[in-house]
Amino acid sequence: MMSSLVQSQEDLDLLLHLKIVIMVRCKYGLSFFQDICKGMKLEDMNHDYILIFKKLKKFHNRPRNLVRMWKKPLKRDNFSNPWRTASTIAAIILLVLTFIQTVCSVIQVLQK
């Protein structure tokens, strides 16, 4: 469950600030929580925890939550300041223009 909660350094900082998690600040804190359950099987856990985990996973995978899951990192990584926003928009425009050029070239070759 913790690996699902802690997806970014901001998430870890919030948990530290609210004193939900108490640990020494280090550069490996985020990777610790992301790798905490690698290799662990659900059968090794208490049945009540398995039910809670399955309910959380079902809630997390709802379509509305999937949109939020993609929207938050996109906003944090690509639209956090004006320069990143401008470069992201420029990259999207360049990608669209490249696609249009490719389609026009294919149409031109098919007409000959």
N, C-alpha and C. Protein backbone atom coordinates (compact mmCIF):
# COMPACT_ATOMS: atom_id res chain seq x y z
N MET A 1 0.83 -1.18 0.00
CA MET A 1 0.00 0.00 0.00
C MET A 1 0.88 1.25 0.00
N MET A 2 1.98 1.21 0.73
CA MET A 2 2.85 2.38 0.77
C MET A 2 3.48 2.66 -0.58
N SER A 3 3.80 1.61 -1.33
CA SER A 3 4.39 1.85 -2.64
C SER A 3 3.38 2.49 -3.58
N SER A 4 2.08 2.27 -3.33
CA SER A 4 1.04 2.93 -4.12
C SER A 4 0.84 4.38 -3.69
N LEU A 5 1.06 4.66 -2.41
CA LEU A 5 0.87 6.01 -1.91
C LEU A 5 2.00 6.95 -2.30
N VAL A 6 3.21 6.46 -2.26
CA VAL A 6 4.38 7.31 -2.48
C VAL A 6 4.83 7.15 -3.92
N GLN A 7 4.43 8.08 -4.78
CA GLN A 7 4.77 8.03 -6.19
C GLN A 7 5.79 9.09 -6.57
N SER A 8 5.95 10.11 -5.75
CA SER A 8 6.89 11.17 -6.08
C SER A 8 7.53 11.70 -4.78
N GLN A 9 8.54 12.52 -4.94
CA GLN A 9 9.20 13.09 -3.77
C GLN A 9 8.26 14.00 -3.01
N GLU A 10 7.33 14.67 -3.71
CA GLU A 10 6.35 15.53 -3.05
C GLU A 10 5.44 14.71 -2.14
N ASP A 11 5.06 13.50 -2.59
CA ASP A 11 4.23 12.63 -1.75
C ASP A 11 4.97 12.25 -0.48
N LEU A 12 6.23 11.90 -0.62
CA LEU A 12 7.04 11.53 0.54
C LEU A 12 7.22 12.72 1.47
N ASP A 13 7.45 13.91 0.92
CA ASP A 13 7.60 15.11 1.74
C ASP A 13 6.32 15.41 2.52
N LEU A 14 5.17 15.20 1.88
CA LEU A 14 3.89 15.44 2.56
C LEU A 14 3.71 14.46 3.72
N LEU A 15 4.02 13.19 3.49
CA LEU A 15 3.90 12.20 4.57
C LEU A 15 4.87 12.51 5.71
N LEU A 16 6.05 13.00 5.38
CA LEU A 16 7.01 13.39 6.41
C LEU A 16 6.54 14.62 7.18
N HIS A 17 5.98 15.60 6.45
CA HIS A 17 5.51 16.83 7.07
C HIS A 17 4.35 16.55 8.04
N LEU A 18 3.44 15.67 7.65
CA LEU A 18 2.28 15.33 8.49
C LEU A 18 2.64 14.32 9.58
N LYS A 19 3.91 13.90 9.60
CA LYS A 19 4.42 12.93 10.58
C LYS A 19 3.69 11.60 10.52
N ILE A 20 3.24 11.24 9.31
CA ILE A 20 2.69 9.91 9.08
C ILE A 20 3.83 8.92 8.97
N VAL A 21 4.89 9.36 8.34
CA VAL A 21 6.10 8.56 8.20
C VAL A 21 7.23 9.34 8.86
N ILE A 22 7.97 8.67 9.71
CA ILE A 22 9.12 9.32 10.35
C ILE A 22 10.36 8.56 9.91
N MET A 23 11.23 9.26 9.22
CA MET A 23 12.47 8.65 8.76
C MET A 23 13.50 9.73 8.55
N VAL A 24 14.73 9.33 8.49
CA VAL A 24 15.80 10.26 8.21
C VAL A 24 15.74 10.63 6.74
N ARG A 25 15.83 11.91 6.44
CA ARG A 25 15.79 12.33 5.04
C ARG A 25 17.05 11.85 4.34
N CYS A 26 16.85 11.13 3.27
CA CYS A 26 17.98 10.66 2.49
C CYS A 26 17.56 10.59 1.03
N LYS A 27 18.52 10.46 0.16
CA LYS A 27 18.21 10.46 -1.26
C LYS A 27 17.57 9.16 -1.71
N TYR A 28 17.59 8.13 -0.85
CA TYR A 28 17.01 6.84 -1.22
C TYR A 28 15.62 6.62 -0.62
N GLY A 29 15.04 7.63 0.00
CA GLY A 29 13.73 7.48 0.64
C GLY A 29 12.64 7.09 -0.33
N LEU A 30 12.60 7.75 -1.48
CA LEU A 30 11.57 7.46 -2.47
C LEU A 30 11.73 6.06 -3.04
N SER A 31 12.94 5.68 -3.38
CA SER A 31 13.15 4.34 -3.94
C SER A 31 12.87 3.25 -2.92
N PHE A 32 13.07 3.56 -1.62
CA PHE A 32 12.75 2.60 -0.58
C PHE A 32 11.27 2.25 -0.61
N PHE A 33 10.42 3.27 -0.66
CA PHE A 33 8.98 3.01 -0.65
C PHE A 33 8.49 2.41 -1.96
N GLN A 34 9.12 2.73 -3.05
CA GLN A 34 8.69 2.16 -4.32
C GLN A 34 9.10 0.70 -4.45
N ASP A 35 10.18 0.29 -3.78
CA ASP A 35 10.67 -1.08 -3.87
C ASP A 35 10.36 -1.91 -2.63
N ILE A 36 9.51 -1.40 -1.75
CA ILE A 36 9.32 -2.02 -0.45
C ILE A 36 8.72 -3.43 -0.53
N CYS A 37 7.88 -3.69 -1.51
CA CYS A 37 7.19 -4.98 -1.55
C CYS A 37 7.58 -5.82 -2.76
N LYS A 38 8.70 -5.55 -3.36
CA LYS A 38 9.12 -6.36 -4.50
C LYS A 38 9.35 -7.79 -4.05
N GLY A 39 8.79 -8.73 -4.76
CA GLY A 39 8.98 -10.14 -4.45
C GLY A 39 8.05 -10.67 -3.38
N MET A 40 7.20 -9.82 -2.82
CA MET A 40 6.27 -10.28 -1.79
C MET A 40 5.00 -10.81 -2.44
N LYS A 41 4.51 -11.92 -1.96
CA LYS A 41 3.30 -12.52 -2.51
C LYS A 41 2.13 -12.16 -1.62
N LEU A 42 0.94 -12.07 -2.23
CA LEU A 42 -0.25 -11.74 -1.46
C LEU A 42 -0.59 -12.84 -0.45
N GLU A 43 -0.20 -14.07 -0.75
CA GLU A 43 -0.52 -15.18 0.15
C GLU A 43 0.20 -15.04 1.48
N ASP A 44 1.31 -14.29 1.51
CA ASP A 44 2.09 -14.14 2.73
C ASP A 44 1.46 -13.15 3.70
N MET A 45 0.45 -12.42 3.26
CA MET A 45 -0.14 -11.36 4.08
C MET A 45 -1.40 -11.86 4.78
N ASN A 46 -1.82 -11.11 5.78
CA ASN A 46 -3.05 -11.37 6.50
C ASN A 46 -4.23 -11.22 5.54
N HIS A 47 -5.26 -12.04 5.69
CA HIS A 47 -6.42 -12.02 4.79
C HIS A 47 -7.10 -10.65 4.78
N ASP A 48 -7.20 -9.99 5.93
CA ASP A 48 -7.83 -8.66 5.99
C ASP A 48 -7.07 -7.64 5.16
N TYR A 49 -5.74 -7.70 5.21
CA TYR A 49 -4.92 -6.79 4.41
C TYR A 49 -5.08 -7.06 2.92
N ILE A 50 -5.22 -8.31 2.57
CA ILE A 50 -5.42 -8.67 1.15
C ILE A 50 -6.72 -8.06 0.64
N LEU A 51 -7.79 -8.15 1.43
CA LEU A 51 -9.08 -7.57 1.02
C LEU A 51 -8.99 -6.05 0.87
N ILE A 52 -8.33 -5.40 1.83
CA ILE A 52 -8.16 -3.94 1.75
C ILE A 52 -7.34 -3.58 0.51
N PHE A 53 -6.27 -4.32 0.27
CA PHE A 53 -5.43 -4.05 -0.89
C PHE A 53 -6.20 -4.23 -2.19
N LYS A 54 -7.01 -5.28 -2.29
CA LYS A 54 -7.80 -5.50 -3.51
C LYS A 54 -8.83 -4.41 -3.72
N LYS A 55 -9.46 -3.94 -2.64
CA LYS A 55 -10.44 -2.85 -2.75
C LYS A 55 -9.75 -1.56 -3.19
N LEU A 56 -8.58 -1.28 -2.62
CA LEU A 56 -7.84 -0.08 -3.02
C LEU A 56 -7.41 -0.16 -4.48
N LYS A 57 -6.96 -1.33 -4.89
CA LYS A 57 -6.53 -1.49 -6.28
C LYS A 57 -7.71 -1.33 -7.24
N LYS A 58 -8.89 -1.89 -6.86
CA LYS A 58 -10.08 -1.74 -7.69
C LYS A 58 -10.50 -0.27 -7.78
N PHE A 59 -10.45 0.44 -6.66
CA PHE A 59 -10.79 1.86 -6.65
C PHE A 59 -9.79 2.66 -7.48
N HIS A 60 -8.52 2.33 -7.35
CA HIS A 60 -7.47 3.05 -8.06
C HIS A 60 -7.56 2.84 -9.57
N ASN A 61 -8.05 1.69 -10.02
CA ASN A 61 -8.10 1.38 -11.45
C ASN A 61 -9.41 1.79 -12.11
N ARG A 62 -10.28 2.50 -11.39
CA ARG A 62 -11.49 3.01 -12.05
C ARG A 62 -11.10 4.02 -13.11
N PRO A 63 -11.86 4.13 -14.20
CA PRO A 63 -11.48 5.05 -15.28
C PRO A 63 -11.28 6.49 -14.84
N ARG A 64 -12.10 6.97 -13.93
CA ARG A 64 -11.96 8.35 -13.48
C ARG A 64 -10.64 8.55 -12.74
N ASN A 65 -10.24 7.56 -11.98
CA ASN A 65 -8.98 7.66 -11.25
C ASN A 65 -7.79 7.50 -12.18
N LEU A 66 -7.95 6.75 -13.27
CA LEU A 66 -6.86 6.61 -14.23
C LEU A 66 -6.56 7.94 -14.91
N VAL A 67 -7.61 8.74 -15.17
CA VAL A 67 -7.40 10.06 -15.76
C VAL A 67 -6.63 10.94 -14.78
N ARG A 68 -7.01 10.90 -13.50
CA ARG A 68 -6.28 11.67 -12.49
C ARG A 68 -4.84 11.20 -12.37
N MET A 69 -4.66 9.89 -12.48
CA MET A 69 -3.32 9.33 -12.33
C MET A 69 -2.40 9.83 -13.43
N TRP A 70 -2.91 10.03 -14.64
CA TRP A 70 -2.08 10.54 -15.74
C TRP A 70 -1.99 12.05 -15.72
N LYS A 71 -3.05 12.70 -15.20
CA LYS A 71 -3.09 14.16 -15.22
C LYS A 71 -2.12 14.78 -14.22
N LYS A 72 -2.01 14.21 -13.04
CA LYS A 72 -1.14 14.79 -12.01
C LYS A 72 0.33 14.80 -12.41
N PRO A 73 0.92 13.67 -12.85
CA PRO A 73 2.33 13.73 -13.27
C PRO A 73 2.54 14.60 -14.51
N LEU A 74 1.56 14.60 -15.42
CA LEU A 74 1.68 15.44 -16.61
C LEU A 74 1.75 16.91 -16.22
N LYS A 75 0.87 17.31 -15.30
CA LYS A 75 0.88 18.69 -14.85
C LYS A 75 2.15 19.01 -14.07
N ARG A 76 2.59 18.09 -13.21
CA ARG A 76 3.76 18.31 -12.39
C ARG A 76 5.03 18.37 -13.23
N ASP A 77 5.16 17.49 -14.22
CA ASP A 77 6.39 17.39 -14.98
C ASP A 77 6.45 18.32 -16.19
N ASN A 78 5.31 18.56 -16.86
CA ASN A 78 5.34 19.31 -18.11
C ASN A 78 4.75 20.71 -18.03
N PHE A 79 3.99 21.02 -17.01
CA PHE A 79 3.35 22.33 -16.94
C PHE A 79 3.60 23.02 -15.60
N SER A 80 4.74 22.75 -14.97
CA SER A 80 5.01 23.32 -13.66
C SER A 80 5.47 24.78 -13.72
N ASN A 81 6.05 25.20 -14.84
CA ASN A 81 6.43 26.60 -14.98
C ASN A 81 6.22 27.01 -16.44
N PRO A 82 6.25 28.32 -16.74
CA PRO A 82 5.94 28.78 -18.10
C PRO A 82 6.89 28.23 -19.17
N TRP A 83 8.16 28.04 -18.85
CA TRP A 83 9.10 27.53 -19.86
C TRP A 83 8.80 26.08 -20.22
N ARG A 84 8.47 25.30 -19.24
CA ARG A 84 8.12 23.90 -19.52
C ARG A 84 6.81 23.83 -20.30
N THR A 85 5.88 24.70 -19.97
CA THR A 85 4.61 24.72 -20.69
C THR A 85 4.84 25.08 -22.15
N ALA A 86 5.65 26.11 -22.40
CA ALA A 86 5.93 26.53 -23.77
C ALA A 86 6.65 25.44 -24.55
N SER A 87 7.62 24.79 -23.92
CA SER A 87 8.35 23.74 -24.64
C SER A 87 7.47 22.52 -24.90
N THR A 88 6.57 22.19 -23.98
CA THR A 88 5.64 21.08 -24.20
C THR A 88 4.69 21.38 -25.35
N ILE A 89 4.16 22.59 -25.39
CA ILE A 89 3.24 22.98 -26.47
C ILE A 89 3.98 22.99 -27.80
N ALA A 90 5.21 23.49 -27.81
CA ALA A 90 6.01 23.49 -29.05
C ALA A 90 6.28 22.07 -29.53
N ALA A 91 6.56 21.17 -28.61
CA ALA A 91 6.81 19.77 -28.98
C ALA A 91 5.55 19.12 -29.55
N ILE A 92 4.40 19.41 -28.96
CA ILE A 92 3.14 18.86 -29.47
C ILE A 92 2.85 19.40 -30.86
N ILE A 93 3.04 20.70 -31.07
CA ILE A 93 2.82 21.29 -32.40
C ILE A 93 3.76 20.67 -33.42
N LEU A 94 5.02 20.49 -33.06
CA LEU A 94 6.00 19.88 -33.96
C LEU A 94 5.60 18.44 -34.30
N LEU A 95 5.12 17.71 -33.32
CA LEU A 95 4.69 16.34 -33.55
C LEU A 95 3.48 16.28 -34.48
N VAL A 96 2.53 17.18 -34.29
CA VAL A 96 1.35 17.22 -35.16
C VAL A 96 1.74 17.60 -36.59
N LEU A 97 2.61 18.59 -36.73
CA LEU A 97 3.04 18.99 -38.08
C LEU A 97 3.82 17.86 -38.78
N THR A 98 4.63 17.13 -38.03
CA THR A 98 5.36 16.00 -38.60
C THR A 98 4.38 14.92 -39.06
N PHE A 99 3.36 14.65 -38.26
CA PHE A 99 2.35 13.67 -38.64
C PHE A 99 1.61 14.11 -39.91
N ILE A 100 1.24 15.38 -39.98
CA ILE A 100 0.55 15.89 -41.17
C ILE A 100 1.45 15.77 -42.40
N GLN A 101 2.72 16.09 -42.26
CA GLN A 101 3.65 15.97 -43.38
C GLN A 101 3.78 14.52 -43.83
N THR A 102 3.82 13.59 -42.89
CA THR A 102 3.90 12.18 -43.23
C THR A 102 2.67 11.73 -43.99
N VAL A 103 1.49 12.12 -43.52
CA VAL A 103 0.24 11.75 -44.20
C VAL A 103 0.21 12.33 -45.60
N CYS A 104 0.61 13.59 -45.75
CA CYS A 104 0.61 14.21 -47.08
C CYS A 104 1.60 13.50 -48.01
N SER A 105 2.75 13.09 -47.51
CA SER A 105 3.73 12.39 -48.34
C SER A 105 3.19 11.04 -48.78
N VAL A 106 2.52 10.34 -47.87
CA VAL A 106 1.94 9.03 -48.24
C VAL A 106 0.85 9.20 -49.27
N ILE A 107 0.01 10.21 -49.11
CA ILE A 107 -1.05 10.46 -50.08
C ILE A 107 -0.46 10.80 -51.45
N GLN A 108 0.58 11.60 -51.45
CA GLN A 108 1.24 11.99 -52.71
C GLN A 108 1.84 10.77 -53.42
N VAL A 109 2.45 9.87 -52.67
CA VAL A 109 3.05 8.66 -53.27
C VAL A 109 1.97 7.74 -53.78
N LEU A 110 0.86 7.62 -53.07
CA LEU A 110 -0.23 6.74 -53.48
C LEU A 110 -0.95 7.25 -54.71
N GLN A 111 -0.97 8.55 -54.95
CA GLN A 111 -1.64 9.11 -56.10
C GLN A 111 -0.85 8.89 -57.40
N LYS A 112 0.46 8.67 -57.29
CA LYS A 112 1.28 8.50 -58.48
C LYS A 112 1.21 7.13 -59.02
